[in-house]
Each structure stands twice: as structure tokens, then as C-alpha cells.
Amino acid sequence: MTENRAIRIMTIPETVRALSSIGVYVDESTLRAWCRSNAIPSIQAGRKTLLNLDDVLRFLKMEG
């Protein structure tokens, strides 16, 4: 069976809050730098950068 999971797309500030709620503390400037260097996949929507929380957790080696 396949597992249905919601895709959790959020802005950088929302991602920082979501991570801190699970005890992972990364600041916005660090996330922005990882996005600019393509370390974490991201989408630019106007002035906002959108991230998939699962991609961020995978990057941090914390499968989510």
C-alpha cells in the first residue's frame, strides 16, 4: 500500500517555526543561504521562497 502524506510547503519563517516546534533551531539566514546554494530544493514565488518541510528534514538527516 502507498502511504498518503500531505506535502508541507511553507515559507522560510514558517519553516523556522515548524522546526523549532520539534526542537530543531535553524535561523532564517541559514535557511536562505542553503536555498541560494541549492542545498535544499526551493521555489521562488515572487519575493517569497517556498520550501517543502520534508526536504528540509531530509537535508538535516531527520526523515520527516
N, C-alpha and C. Protein backbone atom coordinates (compact mmCIF):
# COMPACT_ATOMS: atom_id res chain seq x y z
N MET A 1 0.83 -1.18 0.00
CA MET A 1 0.00 0.00 0.00
C MET A 1 0.87 1.25 0.00
N THR A 2 0.38 2.27 -0.64
CA THR A 2 1.12 3.53 -0.62
C THR A 2 0.64 4.38 0.54
N GLU A 3 1.54 5.14 1.05
CA GLU A 3 1.23 6.00 2.20
C GLU A 3 0.88 7.39 1.69
N ASN A 4 -0.27 7.90 2.06
CA ASN A 4 -0.68 9.24 1.67
C ASN A 4 -0.25 10.23 2.74
N ARG A 5 0.64 11.14 2.35
CA ARG A 5 1.09 12.17 3.28
C ARG A 5 0.94 13.52 2.61
N ALA A 6 0.53 14.48 3.38
CA ALA A 6 0.38 15.83 2.85
C ALA A 6 1.75 16.44 2.59
N ILE A 7 1.84 17.17 1.51
CA ILE A 7 3.06 17.91 1.21
C ILE A 7 3.01 19.19 2.03
N ARG A 8 4.07 19.44 2.78
CA ARG A 8 4.10 20.59 3.68
C ARG A 8 4.98 21.68 3.08
N ILE A 9 4.37 22.54 2.25
CA ILE A 9 5.07 23.65 1.62
C ILE A 9 4.87 24.88 2.48
N MET A 10 5.97 25.57 2.79
CA MET A 10 5.87 26.75 3.65
C MET A 10 6.97 27.74 3.34
N THR A 11 6.78 28.96 3.80
CA THR A 11 7.79 30.00 3.63
C THR A 11 8.94 29.74 4.61
N ILE A 12 10.00 30.51 4.46
CA ILE A 12 11.15 30.34 5.35
C ILE A 12 10.79 30.64 6.81
N PRO A 13 10.09 31.74 7.12
CA PRO A 13 9.72 31.96 8.53
C PRO A 13 8.83 30.85 9.08
N GLU A 14 7.90 30.35 8.27
CA GLU A 14 7.04 29.25 8.72
C GLU A 14 7.86 27.99 8.96
N THR A 15 8.87 27.76 8.12
CA THR A 15 9.73 26.59 8.28
C THR A 15 10.53 26.69 9.57
N VAL A 16 11.05 27.87 9.87
CA VAL A 16 11.80 28.08 11.11
C VAL A 16 10.91 27.77 12.31
N ARG A 17 9.65 28.25 12.29
CA ARG A 17 8.73 27.98 13.40
C ARG A 17 8.41 26.49 13.50
N ALA A 18 8.19 25.83 12.36
CA ALA A 18 7.87 24.40 12.37
C ALA A 18 9.05 23.59 12.92
N LEU A 19 10.26 23.95 12.51
CA LEU A 19 11.44 23.25 13.01
C LEU A 19 11.63 23.47 14.51
N SER A 20 11.45 24.71 14.94
CA SER A 20 11.66 24.99 16.37
C SER A 20 10.61 24.27 17.23
N SER A 21 9.42 24.02 16.67
CA SER A 21 8.40 23.33 17.44
C SER A 21 8.76 21.86 17.69
N ILE A 22 9.70 21.32 16.89
CA ILE A 22 10.16 19.95 17.11
C ILE A 22 11.57 19.92 17.69
N GLY A 23 12.04 21.09 18.14
CA GLY A 23 13.32 21.15 18.82
C GLY A 23 14.53 21.29 17.92
N VAL A 24 14.33 21.74 16.68
CA VAL A 24 15.44 21.96 15.75
C VAL A 24 15.53 23.46 15.52
N TYR A 25 16.67 24.05 15.87
CA TYR A 25 16.81 25.50 15.79
C TYR A 25 17.76 25.89 14.67
N VAL A 26 17.16 26.44 13.61
CA VAL A 26 17.90 26.94 12.45
C VAL A 26 17.35 28.34 12.20
N ASP A 27 18.23 29.32 11.99
CA ASP A 27 17.70 30.66 11.77
C ASP A 27 17.40 30.90 10.29
N GLU A 28 16.65 31.96 10.03
CA GLU A 28 16.19 32.26 8.68
C GLU A 28 17.35 32.47 7.72
N SER A 29 18.39 33.17 8.17
CA SER A 29 19.51 33.45 7.27
C SER A 29 20.22 32.17 6.83
N THR A 30 20.29 31.19 7.71
CA THR A 30 20.91 29.91 7.35
C THR A 30 20.06 29.19 6.31
N LEU A 31 18.74 29.16 6.51
CA LEU A 31 17.85 28.53 5.53
C LEU A 31 17.95 29.24 4.18
N ARG A 32 18.00 30.57 4.19
CA ARG A 32 18.12 31.33 2.94
C ARG A 32 19.42 30.99 2.22
N ALA A 33 20.50 30.87 2.98
CA ALA A 33 21.80 30.53 2.37
C ALA A 33 21.76 29.13 1.77
N TRP A 34 21.14 28.17 2.45
CA TRP A 34 21.02 26.81 1.91
C TRP A 34 20.19 26.81 0.64
N CYS A 35 19.15 27.64 0.59
CA CYS A 35 18.32 27.73 -0.63
C CYS A 35 19.12 28.35 -1.77
N ARG A 36 19.85 29.43 -1.49
CA ARG A 36 20.65 30.09 -2.54
C ARG A 36 21.71 29.16 -3.11
N SER A 37 22.28 28.30 -2.27
CA SER A 37 23.33 27.39 -2.73
C SER A 37 22.76 26.08 -3.29
N ASN A 38 21.43 25.99 -3.35
CA ASN A 38 20.73 24.80 -3.85
C ASN A 38 20.97 23.56 -3.00
N ALA A 39 21.35 23.75 -1.75
CA ALA A 39 21.50 22.61 -0.84
C ALA A 39 20.13 22.02 -0.51
N ILE A 40 19.12 22.90 -0.45
CA ILE A 40 17.74 22.49 -0.20
C ILE A 40 16.92 22.95 -1.40
N PRO A 41 16.11 22.07 -1.99
CA PRO A 41 15.26 22.49 -3.11
C PRO A 41 14.25 23.54 -2.63
N SER A 42 14.08 24.59 -3.44
CA SER A 42 13.13 25.63 -3.08
C SER A 42 12.52 26.21 -4.34
N ILE A 43 11.42 26.91 -4.15
CA ILE A 43 10.72 27.56 -5.26
C ILE A 43 10.59 29.02 -4.91
N GLN A 44 10.92 29.88 -5.85
CA GLN A 44 10.77 31.31 -5.65
C GLN A 44 9.40 31.72 -6.20
N ALA A 45 8.54 32.27 -5.35
CA ALA A 45 7.22 32.74 -5.75
C ALA A 45 7.16 34.23 -5.46
N GLY A 46 7.48 35.03 -6.44
CA GLY A 46 7.59 36.46 -6.20
C GLY A 46 8.77 36.72 -5.29
N ARG A 47 8.51 37.37 -4.16
CA ARG A 47 9.58 37.64 -3.20
C ARG A 47 9.71 36.55 -2.15
N LYS A 48 8.81 35.59 -2.17
CA LYS A 48 8.83 34.53 -1.16
C LYS A 48 9.55 33.29 -1.66
N THR A 49 10.28 32.67 -0.75
CA THR A 49 10.91 31.39 -1.03
C THR A 49 10.09 30.32 -0.34
N LEU A 50 9.68 29.30 -1.11
CA LEU A 50 8.86 28.23 -0.57
C LEU A 50 9.68 26.96 -0.45
N LEU A 51 9.52 26.28 0.68
CA LEU A 51 10.26 25.05 0.96
C LEU A 51 9.29 23.93 1.30
N ASN A 52 9.70 22.72 0.99
CA ASN A 52 8.97 21.54 1.43
C ASN A 52 9.63 21.11 2.74
N LEU A 53 8.86 21.08 3.82
CA LEU A 53 9.43 20.75 5.12
C LEU A 53 10.10 19.39 5.11
N ASP A 54 9.56 18.44 4.37
CA ASP A 54 10.17 17.11 4.31
C ASP A 54 11.56 17.17 3.67
N ASP A 55 11.74 18.05 2.67
CA ASP A 55 13.07 18.21 2.07
C ASP A 55 14.06 18.78 3.07
N VAL A 56 13.60 19.74 3.87
CA VAL A 56 14.47 20.34 4.88
C VAL A 56 14.87 19.29 5.93
N LEU A 57 13.89 18.52 6.39
CA LEU A 57 14.19 17.47 7.37
C LEU A 57 15.13 16.42 6.79
N ARG A 58 14.92 16.07 5.55
CA ARG A 58 15.80 15.10 4.89
C ARG A 58 17.22 15.66 4.81
N PHE A 59 17.34 16.95 4.48
CA PHE A 59 18.65 17.60 4.41
C PHE A 59 19.33 17.55 5.78
N LEU A 60 18.55 17.73 6.82
CA LEU A 60 19.08 17.70 8.18
C LEU A 60 19.22 16.28 8.72
N LYS A 61 18.93 15.30 7.88
CA LYS A 61 19.00 13.88 8.24
C LYS A 61 18.02 13.50 9.33
N MET A 62 16.84 14.11 9.24
CA MET A 62 15.80 13.84 10.21
C MET A 62 14.54 13.46 9.45
N GLU A 63 14.55 12.35 8.75
CA GLU A 63 13.41 11.95 7.92
C GLU A 63 12.09 12.34 8.54
N GLY A 64 11.26 13.07 7.75
CA GLY A 64 10.00 13.56 8.29
C GLY A 64 8.80 13.07 7.57
